[in-house]
Amino acid sequence: MKMPDLLKLSPLLNDLRRYKAEWLPPDLIAGLSVAAVQVPTAMAYATLAGFSPEIGLYSSILPVIVYAFFGTSKQLVVGPDAATSAMVASLVAPLAAGDPTKYVAFSAALSSVAGLLMIAGGVLRMGFFVNFFARPILVGFLNGIAISIIAGQMGKFLGIAIHKHDFIPSILELVSRLRETHLLTVTIGVSTVLMLAALRRLAPKAPASLIALLVASIGLFYLGGAHSGVTLVGSIPAGLPHLGLPFIGYHAGQGILVGALGLVIVSFTSGMLTARSFAARAGQTIDPNHEMWAIGAANLAAGLSGSFAVTGADSRTAVNASSGNKTQLSSVFAAIATGAVAACLSGPLGYLPVSALSAVLIFSACQLVDLASGRELHRIDPFEFKLSVFTTAAVLLMGVLPGVAISILVAIVILLKRIYQPHDTVLGSVPGLEGHNDVSLSGESTTVPGILVWRFEGPLVFFNADYFKTRLRYVVDQAAEKPRWLVLSLEAVSQVDATGIKAFEETNTEMRARGIGVLLARPKSYMRRLREFTGIAQEDVFMTIHSAREAALLRDAEKSSQEPQA
């Protein structure tokens, strides 16, 4: 590969070619700051995904380095997050059937397959699909994930061993066993949450999770440590991840492939939203196709290093940006620092209280709950608000992947319905507005007697051609005065297929049989073929509604002048 091609492939290498010495301190500080947040949160998300804590550290080493070299965002830090961790747990647990070895292998395979799919999607320039993940579904999905995380962590937070996993059964079991709450465990959990909230408010740039977990561990040590009845993380093996291909077998591979498709949607969409958000603040642009395969490469690296799926991490990206990083070298420093912790400092991590880790997850999940967006959706479109609530309920009751799949299906059905029955309107003169506008805008709107101007505001294709004809007949029949002329305003007809052209032909024939002349106004350039197939003459096509209306009036006048005088 030529050097220019390699530089285009790796934005970081391009930055390193022109790297300035004064950029090193901010990149190093940002990297260490990210690592301070990354270590505790990665461990917490590992427990959420069903792994031992060191797997979370592994997911924050090689994948972070891979994305740093290939990503187009200068701020984005990849790693495990709430949505992907919850999804991994929901997808892998049924396949592994309680076997820890299979659980790790299936998770690595899931991440690898999702990574390969994203790499292929990026090469095929499929990054545009992120724009089709409707906002109500995304808001509802994140709310559902947040609530399920909070519910799933409450047992550890209270010191109760919950055996049920589904949302409703786990809630019912928790309520029935509240009397088993361990007082010191819940005290540590509540204290950790309060400390996280205080640090977020008073010192937003501080590594709140790291500080809170250190305080919780030190406090527990003075209260008796392992003899206090509080569950600890326990022994964490020191070392770095081993590279290798996970072997899962053919039958498990089928289930992994289906799950990977859902993981691609969640991982890529979440990562792109984070990358775009921070890039917009910095006045930078993001290439979605490049990002798709870069995030895919990071997930492939996660699978090959025996960890689990990653995406753009909001909290770590925010720390990276607020620390003033200059290049993605900061992510490389963060990964190296995380690797050093995994290799040399795993012993002290074993003394972390499990309830404190649960508190970190619960606090992070609370940040995902987006009530403000829900209220905004309700103001903009009550239906989209209902779709968001439906998505939340579907995720909670049916699981992550089925819930999202059903919600997307419902959104597609509604979109097709709106295309099937687009808005249409009669146009006329509206007081205070120039040109021809929707007469329903004002009770004082007027139309020219005998001339009906009608606009169909959507594509005219095979599945709504009959609706077009039905609506047009209705409008003509409901006119206060039988029209002599029908002016079809076509500026809002975005697409026409063969069935749509046939609908025009049948409309033209039917209206003329009823003594109504048909004129076309403001057709798009591709509609020139309408004349060839619909029998509409060149002189019946006009570039403006005004010229079509004036032509109709002129033809009426010529017809009147040619009629014999009584």
Protein backbone atom coordinates (compact mmCIF):
# COMPACT_ATOMS: atom_id res chain seq x y z
CA MET A 1 0.00 0.00 0.00
CA LYS A 2 1.34 3.41 -0.97
CA MET A 3 2.02 5.91 1.80
CA PRO A 4 -0.71 8.40 0.64
CA ASP A 5 -3.27 5.57 0.67
CA LEU A 6 -2.16 4.49 4.15
CA LEU A 7 -2.44 8.07 5.41
CA LYS A 8 -5.95 8.31 4.00
CA LEU A 9 -6.82 5.02 5.66
CA SER A 10 -5.38 6.12 9.02
CA PRO A 11 -6.06 9.73 10.03
CA LEU A 12 -3.82 9.30 13.09
CA LEU A 13 -0.79 8.46 10.94
CA ASN A 14 -1.51 11.60 8.96
CA ASP A 15 -1.61 13.60 12.21
CA LEU A 16 1.64 12.02 13.41
CA ARG A 17 3.42 13.17 10.23
CA ARG A 18 2.83 16.79 11.21
CA TYR A 19 2.77 16.25 14.97
CA LYS A 20 3.96 19.23 17.05
CA ALA A 21 5.87 18.89 20.30
CA GLU A 22 3.41 21.14 22.13
CA TRP A 23 0.60 18.67 21.38
CA LEU A 24 2.19 15.90 23.45
CA PRO A 25 1.37 17.23 26.98
CA PRO A 26 -2.37 17.74 26.29
CA ASP A 27 -2.60 14.36 24.53
CA LEU A 28 -0.83 12.62 27.42
CA ILE A 29 -2.95 14.35 30.09
CA ALA A 30 -6.13 13.58 28.17
CA GLY A 31 -5.11 9.93 27.78
CA LEU A 32 -4.41 9.48 31.50
CA SER A 33 -7.65 11.26 32.36
CA VAL A 34 -9.57 8.93 30.06
CA ALA A 35 -7.87 5.91 31.64
CA ALA A 36 -8.88 7.11 35.11
CA VAL A 37 -12.52 7.02 33.99
CA GLN A 38 -12.11 4.01 31.73
CA VAL A 39 -10.79 1.51 34.25
CA PRO A 40 -13.69 1.55 36.73
CA THR A 41 -16.44 1.99 34.13
CA ALA A 42 -15.07 -0.81 31.94
CA MET A 43 -15.03 -3.13 34.94
CA ALA A 44 -18.60 -2.16 35.79
CA TYR A 45 -19.82 -2.72 32.23
CA ALA A 46 -18.08 -6.10 32.17
CA THR A 47 -20.15 -7.23 35.14
CA LEU A 48 -23.26 -5.88 33.39
CA ALA A 49 -22.42 -7.94 30.30
CA GLY A 50 -21.92 -11.03 32.46
CA PHE A 51 -18.11 -11.17 32.60
CA SER A 52 -15.46 -10.93 35.26
CA PRO A 53 -14.08 -7.38 35.58
CA GLU A 54 -10.78 -7.97 33.79
CA ILE A 55 -12.67 -8.64 30.52
CA GLY A 56 -13.86 -5.04 30.65
CA LEU A 57 -10.24 -3.89 30.85
CA TYR A 58 -9.37 -6.06 27.84
CA SER A 59 -12.16 -4.41 25.85
CA SER A 60 -10.52 -1.03 26.55
CA ILE A 61 -7.04 -1.85 25.25
CA LEU A 62 -6.69 -3.24 21.71
CA PRO A 63 -10.08 -1.97 20.42
CA VAL A 64 -9.25 1.55 21.62
CA ILE A 65 -5.87 1.48 19.84
CA VAL A 66 -7.40 0.13 16.61
CA TYR A 67 -10.05 2.83 16.51
CA ALA A 68 -7.47 5.50 17.36
CA PHE A 69 -5.59 4.67 14.16
CA PHE A 70 -8.55 4.34 11.83
CA GLY A 71 -11.34 6.58 13.18
CA THR A 72 -12.10 9.97 11.62
CA SER A 73 -13.15 11.54 14.94
CA LYS A 74 -10.36 13.19 16.92
CA GLN A 75 -12.31 12.99 20.18
CA LEU A 76 -14.17 9.67 20.13
CA VAL A 77 -13.02 6.99 22.56
CA VAL A 78 -14.50 3.55 22.01
CA GLY A 79 -15.21 1.03 24.72
CA PRO A 80 -18.02 -0.89 26.39
CA ASP A 81 -21.15 1.08 27.22
CA ALA A 82 -24.51 0.41 28.80
CA ALA A 83 -26.46 -0.37 25.61
CA THR A 84 -23.93 -2.74 24.03
CA SER A 85 -23.17 -4.47 27.34
CA ALA A 86 -26.85 -5.09 28.04
CA MET A 87 -27.33 -6.33 24.49
CA VAL A 88 -24.36 -8.69 24.71
CA ALA A 89 -25.77 -10.18 27.90
CA SER A 90 -29.24 -10.66 26.37
CA LEU A 91 -27.86 -12.26 23.21
CA VAL A 92 -25.11 -14.48 24.61
CA ALA A 93 -26.69 -15.82 27.80
CA PRO A 94 -29.28 -18.04 26.03
CA LEU A 95 -26.62 -19.46 23.72
CA ALA A 96 -24.05 -20.19 26.45
CA ALA A 97 -26.58 -21.90 28.74
CA GLY A 98 -24.54 -21.14 31.86
CA ASP A 99 -21.17 -22.34 30.54
CA PRO A 100 -18.57 -19.62 31.36
CA THR A 101 -16.14 -20.83 28.68
CA LYS A 102 -18.82 -20.75 26.00
CA TYR A 103 -19.99 -17.38 27.27
CA VAL A 104 -16.61 -15.77 26.58
CA ALA A 105 -16.24 -17.56 23.24
CA PHE A 106 -19.74 -16.63 22.04
CA SER A 107 -19.27 -13.02 23.11
CA ALA A 108 -15.96 -12.79 21.25
CA ALA A 109 -17.58 -14.36 18.19
CA LEU A 110 -20.52 -11.95 18.40
CA SER A 111 -18.17 -8.97 18.49
CA SER A 112 -16.04 -10.38 15.66
CA VAL A 113 -19.01 -11.04 13.36
CA ALA A 114 -20.52 -7.62 14.09
CA GLY A 115 -17.12 -6.08 13.36
CA LEU A 116 -16.82 -7.89 10.04
CA LEU A 117 -20.34 -6.82 9.06
CA MET A 118 -19.51 -3.19 9.85
CA ILE A 119 -16.25 -3.38 7.92
CA ALA A 120 -18.12 -4.77 4.91
CA GLY A 121 -20.82 -2.12 5.34
CA GLY A 122 -18.25 0.66 5.45
CA VAL A 123 -16.49 -0.62 2.31
CA LEU A 124 -19.88 -0.82 0.54
CA ARG A 125 -20.66 2.75 1.71
CA MET A 126 -23.62 1.72 3.86
CA GLY A 127 -22.90 4.29 6.57
CA PHE A 128 -25.94 6.27 5.51
CA PHE A 129 -28.25 3.82 7.29
CA VAL A 130 -27.50 5.54 10.60
CA ASN A 131 -29.81 8.33 9.40
CA PHE A 132 -32.75 5.91 9.26
CA PHE A 133 -32.65 5.00 12.95
CA ALA A 134 -35.63 7.11 13.96
CA ARG A 135 -35.12 9.41 16.94
CA PRO A 136 -38.23 8.18 18.83
CA ILE A 137 -36.91 4.62 18.59
CA LEU A 138 -33.44 5.65 19.76
CA VAL A 139 -34.82 7.62 22.71
CA GLY A 140 -37.15 4.78 23.66
CA PHE A 141 -34.39 2.20 23.25
CA LEU A 142 -31.98 4.05 25.52
CA ASN A 143 -34.71 4.63 28.10
CA GLY A 144 -35.55 0.93 28.03
CA ILE A 145 -31.90 -0.04 28.38
CA ALA A 146 -31.46 2.40 31.28
CA ILE A 147 -34.48 1.09 33.18
CA SER A 148 -33.47 -2.53 32.60
CA ILE A 149 -29.93 -1.81 33.85
CA ILE A 150 -31.22 -0.11 36.97
CA ALA A 151 -33.60 -2.98 37.66
CA GLY A 152 -30.91 -5.58 36.95
CA GLN A 153 -28.40 -3.96 39.32
CA MET A 154 -30.73 -3.40 42.25
CA GLY A 155 -30.08 -6.87 43.65
CA LYS A 156 -26.31 -6.27 43.87
CA PHE A 157 -26.96 -2.73 45.10
CA LEU A 158 -29.05 -4.07 48.00
CA GLY A 159 -26.98 -7.19 48.67
CA ILE A 160 -29.68 -9.59 47.45
CA ALA A 161 -28.84 -12.50 45.13
CA ILE A 162 -31.50 -12.27 42.38
CA HIS A 163 -31.93 -15.41 40.26
CA LYS A 164 -34.46 -14.16 37.70
CA HIS A 165 -33.17 -12.28 34.66
CA ASP A 166 -36.19 -10.98 32.75
CA PHE A 167 -37.45 -7.53 33.72
CA ILE A 168 -40.83 -8.29 35.33
CA PRO A 169 -39.80 -11.55 37.07
CA SER A 170 -36.64 -9.95 38.48
CA ILE A 171 -38.62 -6.99 39.83
CA LEU A 172 -41.16 -9.30 41.47
CA GLU A 173 -38.39 -11.42 43.02
CA LEU A 174 -36.62 -8.31 44.32
CA VAL A 175 -39.79 -6.96 45.92
CA SER A 176 -40.55 -10.32 47.53
CA ARG A 177 -37.06 -10.49 49.09
CA LEU A 178 -36.53 -6.89 50.21
CA ARG A 179 -36.32 -8.10 53.81
CA GLU A 180 -32.94 -9.69 52.89
CA THR A 181 -31.38 -6.28 52.18
CA HIS A 182 -27.87 -6.03 53.62
CA LEU A 183 -27.61 -2.70 55.43
CA LEU A 184 -23.88 -2.06 54.95
CA THR A 185 -24.04 -3.09 51.29
CA VAL A 186 -26.85 -0.67 50.50
CA THR A 187 -25.11 2.04 52.55
CA ILE A 188 -22.01 1.70 50.39
CA GLY A 189 -24.13 1.78 47.24
CA VAL A 190 -26.09 4.87 48.26
CA SER A 191 -22.92 6.65 49.40
CA THR A 192 -21.27 5.91 46.04
CA VAL A 193 -24.22 7.32 44.11
CA LEU A 194 -24.27 10.46 46.25
CA MET A 195 -20.54 10.94 45.77
CA LEU A 196 -20.85 10.50 42.00
CA ALA A 197 -23.63 13.08 41.90
CA ALA A 198 -21.65 15.53 44.04
CA LEU A 199 -18.48 15.15 41.96
CA ARG A 200 -20.45 15.55 38.73
CA ARG A 201 -21.82 18.84 40.03
CA LEU A 202 -18.82 20.24 41.88
CA ALA A 203 -15.90 18.82 39.85
CA PRO A 204 -17.23 17.75 36.44
CA LYS A 205 -13.73 17.17 35.04
CA ALA A 206 -12.65 14.86 37.88
CA PRO A 207 -12.58 11.05 37.34
CA ALA A 208 -15.69 10.64 39.49
CA SER A 209 -16.02 6.85 39.11
CA LEU A 210 -12.41 6.23 40.11
CA ILE A 211 -12.62 8.55 43.14
CA ALA A 212 -15.95 7.10 44.30
CA LEU A 213 -14.74 3.50 44.03
CA LEU A 214 -11.50 4.29 45.86
CA VAL A 215 -13.39 5.96 48.68
CA ALA A 216 -15.83 3.02 48.86
CA SER A 217 -12.97 0.50 49.02
CA ILE A 218 -11.05 2.45 51.66
CA GLY A 219 -14.19 2.97 53.69
CA LEU A 220 -15.06 -0.72 53.57
CA PHE A 221 -11.51 -1.63 54.63
CA TYR A 222 -11.90 0.36 57.83
CA LEU A 223 -15.32 -1.21 58.41
CA GLY A 224 -14.02 -4.76 58.35
CA GLY A 225 -13.40 -5.51 54.67
CA ALA A 226 -14.21 -9.07 53.65
CA HIS A 227 -15.52 -9.88 57.15
CA SER A 228 -18.26 -7.26 56.93
CA GLY A 229 -20.58 -9.38 54.81
CA VAL A 230 -20.21 -7.06 51.80
CA THR A 231 -19.51 -8.89 48.54
CA LEU A 232 -16.21 -7.92 46.90
CA VAL A 233 -15.16 -8.20 43.27
CA GLY A 234 -12.64 -10.86 44.29
CA SER A 235 -9.46 -12.10 42.68
CA ILE A 236 -8.72 -10.61 39.26
CA PRO A 237 -6.05 -12.38 37.19
CA ALA A 238 -3.18 -10.14 36.17
CA GLY A 239 -2.08 -9.98 32.57
CA LEU A 240 -3.03 -8.86 29.09
CA PRO A 241 -5.53 -10.42 26.70
CA HIS A 242 -4.49 -13.29 24.44
CA LEU A 243 -5.21 -12.97 20.74
CA GLY A 244 -7.07 -15.74 18.97
CA LEU A 245 -10.09 -16.73 16.89
CA PRO A 246 -13.10 -17.91 18.91
CA PHE A 247 -14.46 -21.32 17.90
CA ILE A 248 -18.21 -21.73 18.45
CA GLY A 249 -19.47 -24.33 15.98
CA TYR A 250 -21.93 -24.09 13.09
CA HIS A 251 -25.25 -24.12 14.97
CA ALA A 252 -24.22 -21.46 17.47
CA GLY A 253 -22.90 -19.41 14.56
CA GLN A 254 -26.41 -19.07 13.13
CA GLY A 255 -27.67 -17.48 16.35
CA ILE A 256 -24.56 -15.31 16.56
CA LEU A 257 -25.14 -13.95 13.03
CA VAL A 258 -28.70 -12.84 13.80
CA GLY A 259 -27.59 -11.21 17.04
CA ALA A 260 -24.66 -9.53 15.30
CA LEU A 261 -27.03 -7.76 12.90
CA GLY A 262 -28.81 -6.16 15.83
CA LEU A 263 -25.52 -5.35 17.52
CA VAL A 264 -24.33 -3.57 14.36
CA ILE A 265 -27.35 -1.26 14.52
CA VAL A 266 -26.86 -0.43 18.18
CA SER A 267 -23.06 -0.18 18.19
CA PHE A 268 -22.69 1.86 15.00
CA THR A 269 -25.66 4.15 15.65
CA SER A 270 -24.59 4.89 19.21
CA GLY A 271 -20.99 5.48 18.16
CA MET A 272 -21.95 7.78 15.30
CA LEU A 273 -24.26 9.87 17.48
CA THR A 274 -21.46 10.40 19.97
CA ALA A 275 -18.86 11.11 17.28
CA ARG A 276 -21.09 13.58 15.45
CA SER A 277 -22.04 15.37 18.64
CA PHE A 278 -18.46 16.09 19.69
CA ALA A 279 -17.28 16.75 16.12
CA ALA A 280 -19.98 19.41 15.71
CA ARG A 281 -18.76 21.20 18.83
CA ALA A 282 -15.22 21.22 17.45
CA GLY A 283 -16.27 22.30 13.95
CA GLN A 284 -15.13 18.99 12.42
CA THR A 285 -16.83 16.53 10.06
CA ILE A 286 -17.27 12.78 10.33
CA ASP A 287 -17.23 10.35 7.41
CA PRO A 288 -19.97 7.78 8.26
CA ASN A 289 -18.64 5.14 5.86
CA HIS A 290 -15.10 5.43 7.24
CA GLU A 291 -16.48 5.42 10.78
CA MET A 292 -18.53 2.33 10.08
CA TRP A 293 -15.55 0.19 9.19
CA ALA A 294 -13.36 1.86 11.87
CA ILE A 295 -15.85 0.96 14.62
CA GLY A 296 -16.15 -2.44 12.95
CA ALA A 297 -12.37 -2.90 13.10
CA ALA A 298 -12.47 -2.01 16.82
CA ASN A 299 -15.16 -4.65 17.40
CA LEU A 300 -13.17 -7.21 15.43
CA ALA A 301 -10.17 -6.40 17.65
CA ALA A 302 -12.38 -6.88 20.70
CA GLY A 303 -13.42 -10.31 19.46
CA LEU A 304 -9.87 -11.37 18.65
CA SER A 305 -8.69 -10.27 22.10
CA GLY A 306 -11.37 -12.29 23.89
CA SER A 307 -13.50 -9.39 25.11
CA PHE A 308 -16.88 -8.03 24.06
CA ALA A 309 -18.51 -5.43 21.83
CA VAL A 310 -17.57 -1.75 21.95
CA THR A 311 -18.98 1.51 20.66
CA GLY A 312 -18.43 5.22 21.14
CA ALA A 313 -18.31 5.88 24.89
CA ASP A 314 -19.96 9.16 25.90
CA SER A 315 -18.27 9.69 29.26
CA ARG A 316 -14.75 8.83 28.08
CA THR A 317 -15.16 10.91 24.92
CA ALA A 318 -16.33 13.85 27.02
CA VAL A 319 -13.25 13.53 29.25
CA ASN A 320 -11.00 13.31 26.20
CA ALA A 321 -12.49 16.44 24.64
CA SER A 322 -12.64 18.48 27.85
CA SER A 323 -8.99 17.63 28.59
CA GLY A 324 -8.01 19.35 25.35
CA ASN A 325 -6.62 16.42 23.38
CA LYS A 326 -5.12 17.30 20.00
CA THR A 327 -5.08 13.91 18.25
CA GLN A 328 -6.16 10.32 18.74
CA LEU A 329 -2.76 9.68 20.31
CA SER A 330 -4.58 10.43 23.57
CA SER A 331 -6.62 7.23 23.08
CA VAL A 332 -3.42 5.27 22.55
CA PHE A 333 -2.06 6.62 25.86
CA ALA A 334 -5.37 5.71 27.56
CA ALA A 335 -5.17 2.15 26.24
CA ILE A 336 -1.54 1.77 27.36
CA ALA A 337 -2.43 3.03 30.86
CA THR A 338 -5.38 0.62 31.02
CA GLY A 339 -3.11 -2.22 29.93
CA ALA A 340 -0.65 -1.32 32.67
CA VAL A 341 -3.45 -1.52 35.25
CA ALA A 342 -4.56 -4.92 33.91
CA ALA A 343 -1.01 -6.25 33.98
CA CYS A 344 0.27 -4.81 37.25
CA LEU A 345 -2.54 -3.50 39.47
CA SER A 346 -5.22 -6.17 39.25
CA GLY A 347 -4.73 -7.19 42.90
CA PRO A 348 -6.07 -4.00 44.51
CA LEU A 349 -9.06 -4.01 42.14
CA GLY A 350 -10.29 -7.21 43.75
CA TYR A 351 -11.14 -5.28 46.95
CA LEU A 352 -13.79 -3.15 45.22
CA PRO A 353 -17.28 -3.64 46.68
CA VAL A 354 -19.72 -5.08 44.13
CA SER A 355 -22.41 -2.69 45.35
CA ALA A 356 -20.15 0.26 44.51
CA LEU A 357 -19.69 -1.03 40.96
CA SER A 358 -23.47 -1.44 40.74
CA ALA A 359 -23.82 2.15 41.93
CA VAL A 360 -21.59 3.30 39.06
CA LEU A 361 -23.79 1.42 36.59
CA ILE A 362 -27.02 2.73 38.12
CA PHE A 363 -25.71 6.29 38.08
CA SER A 364 -24.61 5.92 34.44
CA ALA A 365 -27.97 4.41 33.50
CA CYS A 366 -29.78 7.35 35.07
CA GLN A 367 -27.89 9.63 32.67
CA LEU A 368 -29.32 7.62 29.76
CA VAL A 369 -32.92 8.30 30.78
CA ASP A 370 -34.01 11.15 28.51
CA LEU A 371 -37.28 12.59 29.78
CA ALA A 372 -36.63 15.95 28.10
CA SER A 373 -36.58 14.36 24.64
CA GLY A 374 -39.78 12.51 25.51
CA ARG A 375 -41.53 15.77 26.36
CA GLU A 376 -40.19 17.36 23.18
CA LEU A 377 -41.46 14.44 21.08
CA HIS A 378 -44.87 14.78 22.70
CA ARG A 379 -45.02 18.46 21.73
CA ILE A 380 -43.86 17.83 18.16
CA ASP A 381 -45.81 14.68 17.35
CA PRO A 382 -47.83 12.70 19.94
CA PHE A 383 -47.58 9.60 17.77
CA GLU A 384 -43.78 9.66 17.80
CA PHE A 385 -43.92 10.01 21.58
CA LYS A 386 -46.13 6.90 21.72
CA LEU A 387 -43.66 5.08 19.44
CA SER A 388 -40.86 5.99 21.86
CA VAL A 389 -42.83 4.69 24.84
CA PHE A 390 -43.71 1.56 22.89
CA THR A 391 -40.02 0.96 22.17
CA THR A 392 -39.17 1.32 25.86
CA ALA A 393 -41.88 -1.16 26.82
CA ALA A 394 -40.85 -3.57 24.06
CA VAL A 395 -37.20 -3.55 25.18
CA LEU A 396 -38.22 -4.17 28.80
CA LEU A 397 -40.79 -6.88 28.14
CA MET A 398 -39.37 -8.71 25.12
CA GLY A 399 -35.65 -8.09 25.36
CA VAL A 400 -33.23 -5.77 23.62
CA LEU A 401 -33.08 -7.20 20.09
CA PRO A 402 -36.75 -8.25 19.71
CA GLY A 403 -37.88 -4.95 21.21
CA VAL A 404 -35.81 -2.85 18.82
CA ALA A 405 -36.73 -5.04 15.83
CA ILE A 406 -40.45 -4.73 16.52
CA SER A 407 -40.19 -0.98 17.07
CA ILE A 408 -38.29 -0.49 13.79
CA LEU A 409 -40.90 -2.61 12.01
CA VAL A 410 -43.71 -0.49 13.47
CA ALA A 411 -41.89 2.70 12.40
CA ILE A 412 -41.49 1.36 8.85
CA VAL A 413 -45.17 0.42 8.69
CA ILE A 414 -46.16 3.90 9.84
CA LEU A 415 -43.78 5.47 7.32
CA LEU A 416 -45.33 3.39 4.53
CA LYS A 417 -48.79 4.39 5.70
CA ARG A 418 -47.84 8.05 5.54
CA ILE A 419 -46.49 7.55 2.02
CA TYR A 420 -49.61 5.59 1.12
CA GLN A 421 -51.85 8.39 2.34
CA PRO A 422 -49.88 11.62 1.92
CA HIS A 423 -51.40 15.01 2.52
CA ASP A 424 -53.25 16.67 -0.34
CA THR A 425 -54.78 20.12 -0.58
CA VAL A 426 -56.79 22.51 -2.68
CA LEU A 427 -54.79 25.64 -3.55
CA GLY A 428 -56.03 29.20 -3.83
CA SER A 429 -55.40 32.78 -2.78
CA VAL A 430 -54.73 33.16 0.96
CA PRO A 431 -54.82 36.68 2.46
CA GLY A 432 -51.34 37.89 3.35
CA LEU A 433 -49.52 35.21 1.32
CA GLU A 434 -48.17 35.40 -2.19
CA GLY A 435 -48.90 32.81 -4.86
CA HIS A 436 -51.12 29.77 -4.46
CA ASN A 437 -51.38 28.24 -0.99
CA ASP A 438 -53.41 25.77 1.03
CA VAL A 439 -56.93 27.24 1.30
CA SER A 440 -57.36 25.67 4.75
CA LEU A 441 -54.85 28.19 6.14
CA SER A 442 -57.52 30.88 6.27
CA GLY A 443 -61.30 31.08 6.31
CA GLU A 444 -61.02 34.01 3.89
CA SER A 445 -59.15 32.06 1.19
CA THR A 446 -60.59 32.24 -2.32
CA THR A 447 -60.42 30.18 -5.50
CA VAL A 448 -61.22 30.99 -9.11
CA PRO A 449 -64.73 29.71 -9.91
CA GLY A 450 -64.66 26.74 -12.24
CA ILE A 451 -60.91 26.10 -11.77
CA LEU A 452 -59.84 23.53 -9.16
CA VAL A 453 -56.13 23.60 -8.29
CA TRP A 454 -55.13 20.47 -6.39
CA ARG A 455 -51.76 19.34 -5.00
CA PHE A 456 -50.81 15.77 -4.08
CA GLU A 457 -47.93 15.92 -1.57
CA GLY A 458 -46.08 12.67 -1.92
CA PRO A 459 -44.70 10.10 -4.36
CA LEU A 460 -47.18 8.55 -6.78
CA VAL A 461 -46.21 4.90 -7.00
CA PHE A 462 -47.77 1.45 -7.20
CA PHE A 463 -49.16 1.22 -3.67
CA ASN A 464 -50.84 4.63 -3.47
CA ALA A 465 -51.99 5.15 -7.08
CA ASP A 466 -55.54 4.06 -6.23
CA TYR A 467 -55.54 6.39 -3.21
CA PHE A 468 -54.51 9.25 -5.52
CA LYS A 469 -57.48 8.61 -7.82
CA THR A 470 -59.89 8.15 -4.90
CA ARG A 471 -58.85 11.40 -3.24
CA LEU A 472 -59.03 13.32 -6.50
CA ARG A 473 -62.57 12.09 -7.24
CA TYR A 474 -63.60 13.05 -3.71
CA VAL A 475 -62.15 16.57 -4.02
CA VAL A 476 -63.82 17.10 -7.40
CA ASP A 477 -67.17 15.80 -6.14
CA GLN A 478 -67.00 17.98 -3.01
CA ALA A 479 -66.23 21.18 -4.91
CA ALA A 480 -68.82 23.91 -4.28
CA GLU A 481 -69.10 24.41 -8.05
CA LYS A 482 -68.43 21.73 -10.65
CA PRO A 483 -64.98 22.58 -12.04
CA ARG A 484 -64.44 23.12 -15.74
CA TRP A 485 -60.71 22.77 -15.29
CA LEU A 486 -58.54 20.65 -13.02
CA VAL A 487 -55.01 21.96 -12.48
CA LEU A 488 -52.77 19.27 -10.98
CA SER A 489 -49.87 20.89 -9.10
CA LEU A 490 -47.00 18.39 -9.30
CA GLU A 491 -44.17 20.13 -7.43
CA ALA A 492 -44.66 17.90 -4.38
CA VAL A 493 -44.83 14.62 -6.34
CA SER A 494 -41.31 13.40 -5.66
CA GLN A 495 -41.46 10.15 -7.58
CA VAL A 496 -43.59 8.46 -10.26
CA ASP A 497 -43.45 4.86 -11.44
CA ALA A 498 -45.33 2.99 -14.20
CA THR A 499 -48.41 2.53 -12.02
CA GLY A 500 -48.38 6.22 -11.16
CA ILE A 501 -48.20 7.17 -14.84
CA LYS A 502 -51.15 4.87 -15.50
CA ALA A 503 -53.04 6.65 -12.74
CA PHE A 504 -52.42 9.96 -14.52
CA GLU A 505 -53.69 8.48 -17.78
CA GLU A 506 -56.85 7.12 -16.17
CA THR A 507 -57.42 10.42 -14.34
CA ASN A 508 -57.06 12.38 -17.57
CA THR A 509 -59.51 10.08 -19.39
CA GLU A 510 -62.04 10.10 -16.53
CA MET A 511 -62.00 13.85 -15.98
CA ARG A 512 -62.37 14.64 -19.67
CA ALA A 513 -65.28 12.19 -19.84
CA ARG A 514 -66.91 14.30 -17.12
CA GLY A 515 -66.30 17.47 -19.10
CA ILE A 516 -63.35 18.63 -17.02
CA GLY A 517 -60.12 19.70 -18.74
CA VAL A 518 -56.86 18.55 -17.12
CA LEU A 519 -53.79 20.79 -16.94
CA LEU A 520 -50.44 19.97 -15.32
CA ALA A 521 -48.48 22.64 -13.45
CA ARG A 522 -44.92 22.69 -12.13
CA PRO A 523 -43.88 19.18 -13.22
CA LYS A 524 -40.36 18.01 -12.37
CA SER A 525 -37.99 17.34 -15.24
CA TYR A 526 -38.35 13.57 -15.04
CA MET A 527 -42.13 13.94 -15.53
CA ARG A 528 -41.73 14.91 -19.16
CA ARG A 529 -42.44 11.31 -20.07
CA LEU A 530 -45.96 11.77 -18.67
CA ARG A 531 -47.09 13.32 -21.95
CA GLU A 532 -45.93 10.29 -23.90
CA PHE A 533 -47.97 7.81 -21.89
CA THR A 534 -50.95 9.78 -20.59
CA GLY A 535 -52.26 11.53 -23.66
CA ILE A 536 -51.67 14.97 -22.14
CA ALA A 537 -50.64 17.43 -24.81
CA GLN A 538 -47.62 19.72 -24.62
CA GLU A 539 -49.89 22.77 -24.49
CA ASP A 540 -51.53 21.40 -21.33
CA VAL A 541 -48.28 21.43 -19.32
CA PHE A 542 -47.23 24.66 -17.57
CA MET A 543 -44.26 25.71 -15.48
CA THR A 544 -46.37 27.66 -12.96
CA ILE A 545 -49.83 27.37 -11.45
CA HIS A 546 -50.52 30.97 -12.43
CA SER A 547 -49.81 30.30 -16.13
CA ALA A 548 -52.00 27.16 -16.04
CA ARG A 549 -54.86 29.11 -14.45
CA GLU A 550 -54.53 31.97 -16.94
CA ALA A 551 -54.52 29.49 -19.82
CA ALA A 552 -57.73 27.94 -18.49
CA LEU A 553 -59.39 31.37 -18.26
CA LEU A 554 -58.20 32.25 -21.78
CA ARG A 555 -59.58 29.01 -23.21
CA ASP A 556 -62.91 29.64 -21.47
CA ALA A 557 -63.00 33.12 -23.00
CA GLU A 558 -62.15 31.78 -26.49
CA LYS A 559 -64.82 29.11 -26.15
CA SER A 560 -67.41 31.71 -25.11
CA SER A 561 -66.51 33.96 -28.04
CA GLN A 562 -66.96 31.09 -30.49
CA GLU A 563 -70.38 30.11 -29.16
CA PRO A 564 -73.36 31.57 -31.13
CA GLN A 565 -74.93 34.58 -29.41
CA ALA A 566 -78.47 34.04 -28.16
